[in-house]
Amino acid sequence: AMLGMGATLTIKDFRDVLVEPLAISAGMLIQLVAVPLAALLFIYVFGIGGGIAVGIAMIVAIPGGTMSNIFTYLARGSVALSISVTAVTTLICLVTTPLILVLMIGDYLPADFTMPKGRIMKEIALTLLLPLSIGMLYLYVFPRSAPALSKWCIRASLLGILAIIVGSGSAGRLDVSAFGYDNLMLILLFVVFIAVLPGYLIPKLIGLSKPDTTAILCEVSVRNINLGILIKASVFPAAVAQTAQLGNAVLLSLVAYGVFMLVVGAVAIGINRLGGTGLKTA
């Protein structure tokens, strides 16, 4: 998908993002400040505690991933803005993720908690920057065939997204009876809550364009769940019996959010491509 999107982008697209920095500044502040504050409000209003609260904290402490860039592309948002916000916030998360987790769920964290920095840097390089650069180079060298490459790469990525949705829902990792239907509904409500409040309303209130608003909405609601699961495994390893139950609740929260964000995002993209308006721009 990143290869295909790179084949539609030029240096000018990213230069335009930097020339008018309001959108990227807003996207970063919304990701790093507004989303955690919205999560705190959500946890307080619904009186959430334990593993669900820890799971929500991990969800908002991690940035958007390459999946948010795919959804932005499919929703006809600003892909250059989405990629820029993803790259910058993923780098910043090396500092902000531990800080957000300590502030939100410090009582649950082990004293020796550290971020898997090497894995994060490798993810940025191999899954974001490298294929994007190759795609942009392809567009520069072969401008005539670049649209066909982009189209088929994106189509292939859609099959991957479908496989993720089906696999996540049927792999047995989300044991609804153990997790509880009420907790499941809380996670679904949280997906909608952060998409509407910090993801849609704030960009609209500050006057961002529809493509920029769509990009930020996707960045906010489509999180890097793979990174969240990696952090969960380092903080609450399954082999440690004392935190195993808490860790299972955290894992189920992350997996449930991952399933819901993909399903809700796919439905919203379909509505948008059929000509929806307002919140349907996602």
C-alpha atoms as a PDB file:
ATOM      1  CA  ALA A   1       0.000   0.000   0.000  1.00  0.00           C
ATOM      2  CA  MET A   2       2.799   2.439   0.839  1.00  0.00           C
ATOM      3  CA  LEU A   3       4.467   1.596  -2.490  1.00  0.00           C
ATOM      4  CA  GLY A   4       1.208   2.311  -4.307  1.00  0.00           C
ATOM      5  CA  MET A   5       0.618   5.598  -2.486  1.00  0.00           C
ATOM      6  CA  GLY A   6       4.215   6.655  -3.107  1.00  0.00           C
ATOM      7  CA  ALA A   7       3.553   6.224  -6.837  1.00  0.00           C
ATOM      8  CA  THR A   8       0.946   9.022  -6.593  1.00  0.00           C
ATOM      9  CA  LEU A   9       3.053  11.506  -4.581  1.00  0.00           C
ATOM     10  CA  THR A  10       5.771  14.009  -5.438  1.00  0.00           C
ATOM     11  CA  ILE A  11       8.095  16.137  -3.351  1.00  0.00           C
ATOM     12  CA  LYS A  12       5.727  19.050  -4.026  1.00  0.00           C
ATOM     13  CA  ASP A  13       2.922  17.304  -2.097  1.00  0.00           C
ATOM     14  CA  PHE A  14       5.051  17.241   1.051  1.00  0.00           C
ATOM     15  CA  ARG A  15       6.362  20.754   0.395  1.00  0.00           C
ATOM     16  CA  ASP A  16       2.754  21.987   0.327  1.00  0.00           C
ATOM     17  CA  VAL A  17       2.192  20.437   3.779  1.00  0.00           C
ATOM     18  CA  LEU A  18       5.211  22.290   5.167  1.00  0.00           C
ATOM     19  CA  VAL A  19       4.382  25.598   3.464  1.00  0.00           C
ATOM     20  CA  GLU A  20       1.031  25.664   5.277  1.00  0.00           C
ATOM     21  CA  PRO A  21       1.949  24.142   8.663  1.00  0.00           C
ATOM     22  CA  LEU A  22      -1.446  24.573  10.372  1.00  0.00           C
ATOM     23  CA  ALA A  23      -2.697  21.135   9.346  1.00  0.00           C
ATOM     24  CA  ILE A  24       0.386  19.148  10.388  1.00  0.00           C
ATOM     25  CA  SER A  25       0.743  21.150  13.624  1.00  0.00           C
ATOM     26  CA  ALA A  26      -2.925  20.549  14.414  1.00  0.00           C
ATOM     27  CA  GLY A  27      -2.597  16.859  13.573  1.00  0.00           C
ATOM     28  CA  MET A  28       0.354  16.427  15.918  1.00  0.00           C
ATOM     29  CA  LEU A  29      -1.256  18.346  18.786  1.00  0.00           C
ATOM     30  CA  ILE A  30      -4.518  16.461  18.401  1.00  0.00           C
ATOM     31  CA  GLN A  31      -2.679  13.125  18.425  1.00  0.00           C
ATOM     32  CA  LEU A  32      -0.378  13.913  21.336  1.00  0.00           C
ATOM     33  CA  VAL A  33      -2.624  16.092  23.544  1.00  0.00           C
ATOM     34  CA  ALA A  34      -6.299  16.074  22.564  1.00  0.00           C
ATOM     35  CA  VAL A  35      -6.641  12.297  22.118  1.00  0.00           C
ATOM     36  CA  PRO A  36      -5.153  11.391  25.554  1.00  0.00           C
ATOM     37  CA  LEU A  37      -7.303  14.073  27.214  1.00  0.00           C
ATOM     38  CA  ALA A  38     -10.389  12.726  25.440  1.00  0.00           C
ATOM     39  CA  ALA A  39      -9.486   9.233  26.658  1.00  0.00           C
ATOM     40  CA  LEU A  40      -9.165  10.477  30.238  1.00  0.00           C
ATOM     41  CA  LEU A  41     -12.597  12.078  29.935  1.00  0.00           C
ATOM     42  CA  PHE A  42     -14.033   8.845  28.543  1.00  0.00           C
ATOM     43  CA  ILE A  43     -12.497   6.736  31.339  1.00  0.00           C
ATOM     44  CA  TYR A  44     -13.747   9.181  34.003  1.00  0.00           C
ATOM     45  CA  VAL A  45     -17.301   9.483  32.638  1.00  0.00           C
ATOM     46  CA  PHE A  46     -17.798   5.710  32.360  1.00  0.00           C
ATOM     47  CA  GLY A  47     -15.859   4.860  35.529  1.00  0.00           C
ATOM     48  CA  ILE A  48     -13.526   2.468  33.709  1.00  0.00           C
ATOM     49  CA  GLY A  49     -10.684   0.754  35.592  1.00  0.00           C
ATOM     50  CA  GLY A  50      -8.397  -2.269  35.462  1.00  0.00           C
ATOM     51  CA  GLY A  51      -7.306  -3.841  32.196  1.00  0.00           C
ATOM     52  CA  ILE A  52      -9.794  -1.903  30.071  1.00  0.00           C
ATOM     53  CA  ALA A  53      -8.445   1.431  31.318  1.00  0.00           C
ATOM     54  CA  VAL A  54      -4.879   0.252  30.715  1.00  0.00           C
ATOM     55  CA  GLY A  55      -5.842  -0.917  27.225  1.00  0.00           C
ATOM     56  CA  ILE A  56      -7.434   2.424  26.360  1.00  0.00           C
ATOM     57  CA  ALA A  57      -4.339   4.228  27.679  1.00  0.00           C
ATOM     58  CA  MET A  58      -2.109   2.131  25.430  1.00  0.00           C
ATOM     59  CA  ILE A  59      -4.381   2.749  22.452  1.00  0.00           C
ATOM     60  CA  VAL A  60      -4.106   6.532  22.778  1.00  0.00           C
ATOM     61  CA  ALA A  61      -0.400   6.488  23.694  1.00  0.00           C
ATOM     62  CA  ILE A  62       0.535   4.959  20.340  1.00  0.00           C
ATOM     63  CA  PRO A  63       0.400   6.884  17.041  1.00  0.00           C
ATOM     64  CA  GLY A  64      -1.352   6.041  13.809  1.00  0.00           C
ATOM     65  CA  GLY A  65       0.349   3.456  11.614  1.00  0.00           C
ATOM     66  CA  THR A  66       0.569   2.793   7.894  1.00  0.00           C
ATOM     67  CA  MET A  67      -3.037   1.548   8.026  1.00  0.00           C
ATOM     68  CA  SER A  68      -4.156   5.123   8.737  1.00  0.00           C
ATOM     69  CA  ASN A  69      -2.370   6.222   5.552  1.00  0.00           C
ATOM     70  CA  ILE A  70      -4.225   3.561   3.560  1.00  0.00           C
ATOM     71  CA  PHE A  71      -7.569   4.640   4.988  1.00  0.00           C
ATOM     72  CA  THR A  72      -6.776   8.292   4.247  1.00  0.00           C
ATOM     73  CA  TYR A  73      -6.002   7.399   0.636  1.00  0.00           C
ATOM     74  CA  LEU A  74      -9.201   5.393   0.254  1.00  0.00           C
ATOM     75  CA  ALA A  75     -11.234   8.175   1.892  1.00  0.00           C
ATOM     76  CA  ARG A  76      -9.763  10.752  -0.507  1.00  0.00           C
ATOM     77  CA  GLY A  77      -8.016  12.674   2.247  1.00  0.00           C
ATOM     78  CA  SER A  78      -4.629  14.377   2.174  1.00  0.00           C
ATOM     79  CA  VAL A  79      -2.217  11.455   1.919  1.00  0.00           C
ATOM     80  CA  ALA A  80       0.881  13.657   2.232  1.00  0.00           C
ATOM     81  CA  LEU A  81      -0.475  15.119   5.491  1.00  0.00           C
ATOM     82  CA  SER A  82      -1.379  11.666   6.821  1.00  0.00           C
ATOM     83  CA  ILE A  83       2.066  10.254   6.072  1.00  0.00           C
ATOM     84  CA  SER A  84       3.782  13.317   7.543  1.00  0.00           C
ATOM     85  CA  VAL A  85       1.778  13.125  10.782  1.00  0.00           C
ATOM     86  CA  THR A  86       2.369   9.351  11.013  1.00  0.00           C
ATOM     87  CA  ALA A  87       6.125   9.687  10.548  1.00  0.00           C
ATOM     88  CA  VAL A  88       6.582  12.613  12.959  1.00  0.00           C
ATOM     89  CA  THR A  89       4.297  11.314  15.727  1.00  0.00           C
ATOM     90  CA  THR A  90       5.829   7.827  15.495  1.00  0.00           C
ATOM     91  CA  LEU A  91       9.277   9.329  16.072  1.00  0.00           C
ATOM     92  CA  ILE A  92       7.990  11.540  18.900  1.00  0.00           C
ATOM     93  CA  CYS A  93       6.224   8.567  20.503  1.00  0.00           C
ATOM     94  CA  LEU A  94       9.629   7.300  21.626  1.00  0.00           C
ATOM     95  CA  VAL A  95       9.321  10.060  24.261  1.00  0.00           C
ATOM     96  CA  THR A  96       5.589  10.714  24.509  1.00  0.00           C
ATOM     97  CA  THR A  97       4.307   7.116  24.796  1.00  0.00           C
ATOM     98  CA  PRO A  98       6.087   6.386  28.111  1.00  0.00           C
ATOM     99  CA  LEU A  99       5.052   9.839  29.373  1.00  0.00           C
ATOM    100  CA  ILE A 100       1.374   9.347  28.482  1.00  0.00           C
ATOM    101  CA  LEU A 101       1.347   5.861  29.980  1.00  0.00           C
ATOM    102  CA  VAL A 102       2.955   7.053  33.215  1.00  0.00           C
ATOM    103  CA  LEU A 103       0.474   9.932  33.534  1.00  0.00           C
ATOM    104  CA  MET A 104      -2.587   7.797  32.737  1.00  0.00           C
ATOM    105  CA  ILE A 105      -1.770   4.379  34.219  1.00  0.00           C
ATOM    106  CA  GLY A 106       1.454   4.846  36.180  1.00  0.00           C
ATOM    107  CA  ASP A 107       0.218   2.615  39.009  1.00  0.00           C
ATOM    108  CA  TYR A 108      -0.021  -0.360  36.650  1.00  0.00           C
ATOM    109  CA  LEU A 109       3.438  -0.052  35.032  1.00  0.00           C
ATOM    110  CA  PRO A 110       6.510  -1.970  36.198  1.00  0.00           C
ATOM    111  CA  ALA A 111       9.430   0.098  37.482  1.00  0.00           C
ATOM    112  CA  ASP A 112      11.713  -1.052  34.650  1.00  0.00           C
ATOM    113  CA  PHE A 113       9.321  -0.151  31.802  1.00  0.00           C
ATOM    114  CA  THR A 114      11.182   0.919  28.625  1.00  0.00           C
ATOM    115  CA  MET A 115      10.073   1.558  25.057  1.00  0.00           C
ATOM    116  CA  PRO A 116      11.149  -0.934  22.322  1.00  0.00           C
ATOM    117  CA  LYS A 117      12.899   1.900  20.452  1.00  0.00           C
ATOM    118  CA  GLY A 118      14.835  -0.279  18.020  1.00  0.00           C
ATOM    119  CA  ARG A 119      11.685  -2.052  16.823  1.00  0.00           C
ATOM    120  CA  ILE A 120       9.878   1.260  16.356  1.00  0.00           C
ATOM    121  CA  MET A 121      12.703   2.795  14.315  1.00  0.00           C
ATOM    122  CA  LYS A 122      12.861  -0.328  12.146  1.00  0.00           C
ATOM    123  CA  GLU A 123       9.106  -0.185  11.583  1.00  0.00           C
ATOM    124  CA  ILE A 124       9.296   3.449  10.436  1.00  0.00           C
ATOM    125  CA  ALA A 125      12.134   2.686   8.035  1.00  0.00           C
ATOM    126  CA  LEU A 126      10.917  -0.595   6.535  1.00  0.00           C
ATOM    127  CA  THR A 127       7.141  -0.224   6.441  1.00  0.00           C
ATOM    128  CA  LEU A 128       6.775   3.527   5.878  1.00  0.00           C
ATOM    129  CA  LEU A 129       9.770   5.374   4.442  1.00  0.00           C
ATOM    130  CA  LEU A 130      11.384   2.719   2.217  1.00  0.00           C
ATOM    131  CA  PRO A 131       8.344   1.615   0.153  1.00  0.00           C
ATOM    132  CA  LEU A 132       7.079   5.203  -0.007  1.00  0.00           C
ATOM    133  CA  SER A 133      10.419   6.405  -1.399  1.00  0.00           C
ATOM    134  CA  ILE A 134      10.542   3.579  -3.950  1.00  0.00           C
ATOM    135  CA  GLY A 135       7.013   4.460  -5.110  1.00  0.00           C
ATOM    136  CA  MET A 136       7.874   8.153  -5.470  1.00  0.00           C
ATOM    137  CA  LEU A 137      11.035   7.245  -7.403  1.00  0.00           C
ATOM    138  CA  TYR A 138       8.976   5.001  -9.684  1.00  0.00           C
ATOM    139  CA  LEU A 139       6.602   7.892 -10.415  1.00  0.00           C
ATOM    140  CA  TYR A 140       9.569  10.133 -11.257  1.00  0.00           C
ATOM    141  CA  VAL A 141      11.219   7.599 -13.591  1.00  0.00           C
ATOM    142  CA  PHE A 142       8.106   5.953 -15.084  1.00  0.00           C
ATOM    143  CA  PRO A 143       5.295   8.558 -14.880  1.00  0.00           C
ATOM    144  CA  ARG A 144       3.114   6.806 -17.480  1.00  0.00           C
ATOM    145  CA  SER A 145       2.909   3.420 -15.768  1.00  0.00           C
ATOM    146  CA  ALA A 146       2.885   4.785 -12.195  1.00  0.00           C
ATOM    147  CA  PRO A 147      -0.943   5.137 -12.034  1.00  0.00           C
ATOM    148  CA  ALA A 148      -1.368   1.443 -12.960  1.00  0.00           C
ATOM    149  CA  LEU A 149       1.199   0.384 -10.333  1.00  0.00           C
ATOM    150  CA  SER A 150      -0.567   2.478  -7.707  1.00  0.00           C
ATOM    151  CA  LYS A 151      -3.996   1.080  -8.602  1.00  0.00           C
ATOM    152  CA  TRP A 152      -2.930  -2.565  -8.348  1.00  0.00           C
ATOM    153  CA  CYS A 153      -0.894  -2.058  -5.185  1.00  0.00           C
ATOM    154  CA  ILE A 154      -3.864  -0.404  -3.472  1.00  0.00           C
ATOM    155  CA  ARG A 155      -6.197  -3.162  -4.666  1.00  0.00           C
ATOM    156  CA  ALA A 156      -3.835  -5.762  -3.218  1.00  0.00           C
ATOM    157  CA  SER A 157      -3.713  -3.843   0.070  1.00  0.00           C
ATOM    158  CA  LEU A 158      -7.523  -3.961   0.260  1.00  0.00           C
ATOM    159  CA  LEU A 159      -7.326  -7.748   0.211  1.00  0.00           C
ATOM    160  CA  GLY A 160      -4.809  -7.497   3.043  1.00  0.00           C
ATOM    161  CA  ILE A 161      -7.134  -5.274   5.080  1.00  0.00           C
ATOM    162  CA  LEU A 162     -10.011  -7.701   4.514  1.00  0.00           C
ATOM    163  CA  ALA A 163      -7.802 -10.589   5.654  1.00  0.00           C
ATOM    164  CA  ILE A 164      -6.859  -8.653   8.800  1.00  0.00           C
ATOM    165  CA  ILE A 165     -10.505  -7.920   9.625  1.00  0.00           C
ATOM    166  CA  VAL A 166     -11.588 -11.528   9.096  1.00  0.00           C
ATOM    167  CA  GLY A 167      -8.515 -12.947  10.800  1.00  0.00           C
ATOM    168  CA  SER A 168      -8.727 -10.686  13.824  1.00  0.00           C
ATOM    169  CA  GLY A 169     -12.372 -11.484  14.314  1.00  0.00           C
ATOM    170  CA  SER A 170     -12.070 -15.256  13.892  1.00  0.00           C
ATOM    171  CA  ALA A 171      -8.639 -16.137  15.273  1.00  0.00           C
ATOM    172  CA  GLY A 172      -9.966 -16.742  18.755  1.00  0.00           C
ATOM    173  CA  ARG A 173      -7.903 -13.947  20.319  1.00  0.00           C
ATOM    174  CA  LEU A 174     -11.078 -12.009  21.093  1.00  0.00           C
ATOM    175  CA  ASP A 175     -12.956 -14.226  23.551  1.00  0.00           C
ATOM    176  CA  VAL A 176     -16.154 -12.227  23.913  1.00  0.00           C
ATOM    177  CA  SER A 177     -17.485 -14.331  26.787  1.00  0.00           C
ATOM    178  CA  ALA A 178     -14.307 -13.761  28.808  1.00  0.00           C
ATOM    179  CA  PHE A 179     -14.003 -10.108  27.823  1.00  0.00           C
ATOM    180  CA  GLY A 180     -17.661  -9.274  28.391  1.00  0.00           C
ATOM    181  CA  TYR A 181     -20.168  -7.731  26.004  1.00  0.00           C
ATOM    182  CA  ASP A 182     -20.319  -4.560  28.100  1.00  0.00           C
ATOM    183  CA  ASN A 183     -16.551  -4.068  27.730  1.00  0.00           C
ATOM    184  CA  LEU A 184     -16.821  -4.822  24.034  1.00  0.00           C
ATOM    185  CA  MET A 185     -19.442  -2.088  23.652  1.00  0.00           C
ATOM    186  CA  LEU A 186     -17.248   0.308  25.633  1.00  0.00           C
ATOM    187  CA  ILE A 187     -14.390  -0.195  23.166  1.00  0.00           C
ATOM    188  CA  LEU A 188     -16.730   0.285  20.208  1.00  0.00           C
ATOM    189  CA  LEU A 189     -18.084   3.461  21.787  1.00  0.00           C
ATOM    190  CA  PHE A 190     -14.526   4.653  22.391  1.00  0.00           C
ATOM    191  CA  VAL A 191     -13.655   4.185  18.702  1.00  0.00           C
ATOM    192  CA  VAL A 192     -16.582   6.408  17.746  1.00  0.00           C
ATOM    193  CA  PHE A 193     -15.878   8.885  20.571  1.00  0.00           C
ATOM    194  CA  ILE A 194     -12.301   9.736  19.613  1.00  0.00           C
ATOM    195  CA  ALA A 195     -13.162   9.741  15.899  1.00  0.00           C
ATOM    196  CA  VAL A 196     -15.928  12.316  16.438  1.00  0.00           C
ATOM    197  CA  LEU A 197     -14.476  14.562  19.169  1.00  0.00           C
ATOM    198  CA  PRO A 198     -10.730  15.046  18.561  1.00  0.00           C
ATOM    199  CA  GLY A 199     -10.729  13.435  15.111  1.00  0.00           C
ATOM    200  CA  TYR A 200     -13.509  15.353  13.360  1.00  0.00           C
ATOM    201  CA  LEU A 201     -14.829  18.261  15.439  1.00  0.00           C
ATOM    202  CA  ILE A 202     -11.500  19.890  16.350  1.00  0.00           C
ATOM    203  CA  PRO A 203     -10.169  20.010  12.738  1.00  0.00           C
ATOM    204  CA  LYS A 204     -13.512  21.410  11.569  1.00  0.00           C
ATOM    205  CA  LEU A 205     -13.594  24.034  14.327  1.00  0.00           C
ATOM    206  CA  ILE A 206     -10.136  25.349  13.402  1.00  0.00           C
ATOM    207  CA  GLY A 207     -11.144  25.572   9.742  1.00  0.00           C
ATOM    208  CA  LEU A 208      -9.128  22.791   8.100  1.00  0.00           C
ATOM    209  CA  SER A 209     -10.098  21.669   4.622  1.00  0.00           C
ATOM    210  CA  LYS A 210     -12.092  18.503   4.026  1.00  0.00           C
ATOM    211  CA  PRO A 211      -9.042  16.472   2.807  1.00  0.00           C
ATOM    212  CA  ASP A 212      -6.987  17.616   5.820  1.00  0.00           C
ATOM    213  CA  THR A 213      -9.847  16.879   8.225  1.00  0.00           C
ATOM    214  CA  THR A 214     -10.266  13.417   6.712  1.00  0.00           C
ATOM    215  CA  ALA A 215      -6.540  12.735   7.088  1.00  0.00           C
ATOM    216  CA  ILE A 216      -6.502  13.754  10.758  1.00  0.00           C
ATOM    217  CA  LEU A 217      -9.680  11.794  11.475  1.00  0.00           C
ATOM    218  CA  CYS A 218      -8.049   8.664  10.045  1.00  0.00           C
ATOM    219  CA  GLU A 219      -4.821   9.326  11.971  1.00  0.00           C
ATOM    220  CA  VAL A 220      -6.752   9.688  15.222  1.00  0.00           C
ATOM    221  CA  SER A 221      -9.082   6.710  14.885  1.00  0.00           C
ATOM    222  CA  VAL A 222      -6.860   4.192  13.063  1.00  0.00           C
ATOM    223  CA  ARG A 223      -4.083   3.419  15.555  1.00  0.00           C
ATOM    224  CA  ASN A 224      -0.899   1.351  15.281  1.00  0.00           C
ATOM    225  CA  ILE A 225      -2.298  -1.641  17.171  1.00  0.00           C
ATOM    226  CA  ASN A 226       0.732  -3.787  16.279  1.00  0.00           C
ATOM    227  CA  LEU A 227       2.906  -1.372  18.270  1.00  0.00           C
ATOM    228  CA  GLY A 228       0.384  -1.444  21.119  1.00  0.00           C
ATOM    229  CA  ILE A 229       0.567  -5.246  21.293  1.00  0.00           C
ATOM    230  CA  LEU A 230       4.374  -5.072  21.231  1.00  0.00           C
ATOM    231  CA  ILE A 231       4.361  -2.674  24.190  1.00  0.00           C
ATOM    232  CA  LYS A 232       1.789  -4.818  26.016  1.00  0.00           C
ATOM    233  CA  ALA A 233       4.042  -7.869  25.616  1.00  0.00           C
ATOM    234  CA  SER A 234       6.989  -5.980  27.125  1.00  0.00           C
ATOM    235  CA  VAL A 235       5.003  -4.472  30.002  1.00  0.00           C
ATOM    236  CA  PHE A 236       2.726  -7.422  30.844  1.00  0.00           C
ATOM    237  CA  PRO A 237       4.469 -10.597  29.588  1.00  0.00           C
ATOM    238  CA  ALA A 238       2.201 -13.625  29.564  1.00  0.00           C
ATOM    239  CA  ALA A 239       4.741 -15.663  31.555  1.00  0.00           C
ATOM    240  CA  VAL A 240       4.361 -13.437  34.636  1.00  0.00           C
ATOM    241  CA  ALA A 241       1.445 -14.890  36.594  1.00  0.00           C
ATOM    242  CA  GLN A 242       0.910 -11.794  38.776  1.00  0.00           C
ATOM    243  CA  THR A 243      -0.063  -9.612  35.793  1.00  0.00           C
ATOM    244  CA  ALA A 244      -1.384 -12.296  33.426  1.00  0.00           C
ATOM    245  CA  GLN A 245      -5.061 -11.500  34.006  1.00  0.00           C
ATOM    246  CA  LEU A 246      -4.520  -7.762  33.630  1.00  0.00           C
ATOM    247  CA  GLY A 247      -2.414  -8.364  30.537  1.00  0.00           C
ATOM    248  CA  ASN A 248      -5.135 -10.500  28.942  1.00  0.00           C
ATOM    249  CA  ALA A 249      -7.677  -7.708  29.432  1.00  0.00           C
ATOM    250  CA  VAL A 250      -5.239  -5.226  27.876  1.00  0.00           C
ATOM    251  CA  LEU A 251      -4.622  -7.528  24.901  1.00  0.00           C
ATOM    252  CA  LEU A 252      -8.346  -8.064  24.362  1.00  0.00           C
ATOM    253  CA  SER A 253      -8.919  -4.290  24.489  1.00  0.00           C
ATOM    254  CA  LEU A 254      -6.248  -3.753  21.828  1.00  0.00           C
ATOM    255  CA  VAL A 255      -7.550  -6.532  19.579  1.00  0.00           C
ATOM    256  CA  ALA A 256     -11.164  -5.358  19.964  1.00  0.00           C
ATOM    257  CA  TYR A 257     -10.164  -1.807  19.081  1.00  0.00           C
ATOM    258  CA  GLY A 258      -8.208  -3.092  16.074  1.00  0.00           C
ATOM    259  CA  VAL A 259     -11.228  -4.984  14.741  1.00  0.00           C
ATOM    260  CA  PHE A 260     -13.671  -2.132  15.353  1.00  0.00           C
ATOM    261  CA  MET A 261     -11.431   0.574  13.869  1.00  0.00           C
ATOM    262  CA  LEU A 262     -11.051  -1.405  10.642  1.00  0.00           C
ATOM    263  CA  VAL A 263     -14.732  -2.260  10.322  1.00  0.00           C
ATOM    264  CA  VAL A 264     -15.940   1.247  11.191  1.00  0.00           C
ATOM    265  CA  GLY A 265     -13.305   2.784   8.929  1.00  0.00           C
ATOM    266  CA  ALA A 266     -14.210   0.530   6.017  1.00  0.00           C
ATOM    267  CA  VAL A 267     -17.907   1.352   6.366  1.00  0.00           C
ATOM    268  CA  ALA A 268     -17.193   5.096   6.618  1.00  0.00           C
ATOM    269  CA  ILE A 269     -14.960   5.004   3.529  1.00  0.00           C
ATOM    270  CA  GLY A 270     -17.699   3.249   1.593  1.00  0.00           C
ATOM    271  CA  ILE A 271     -20.209   5.918   2.631  1.00  0.00           C
ATOM    272  CA  ASN A 272     -17.787   8.692   1.697  1.00  0.00           C
ATOM    273  CA  ARG A 273     -17.070   7.257  -1.729  1.00  0.00           C
ATOM    274  CA  LEU A 274     -20.802   7.098  -2.371  1.00  0.00           C
ATOM    275  CA  GLY A 275     -20.972  10.843  -1.828  1.00  0.00           C
ATOM    276  CA  GLY A 276     -21.698  11.203   1.908  1.00  0.00           C
ATOM    277  CA  THR A 277     -21.171  14.470   3.740  1.00  0.00           C
ATOM    278  CA  GLY A 278     -20.383  15.681   7.245  1.00  0.00           C
ATOM    279  CA  LEU A 279     -19.037  12.920   9.491  1.00  0.00           C
ATOM    280  CA  LYS A 280     -19.245  10.603   6.534  1.00  0.00           C
ATOM    281  CA  THR A 281     -16.104  12.228   5.065  1.00  0.00           C
ATOM    282  CA  ALA A 282     -14.111   9.592   6.979  1.00  0.00           C
END
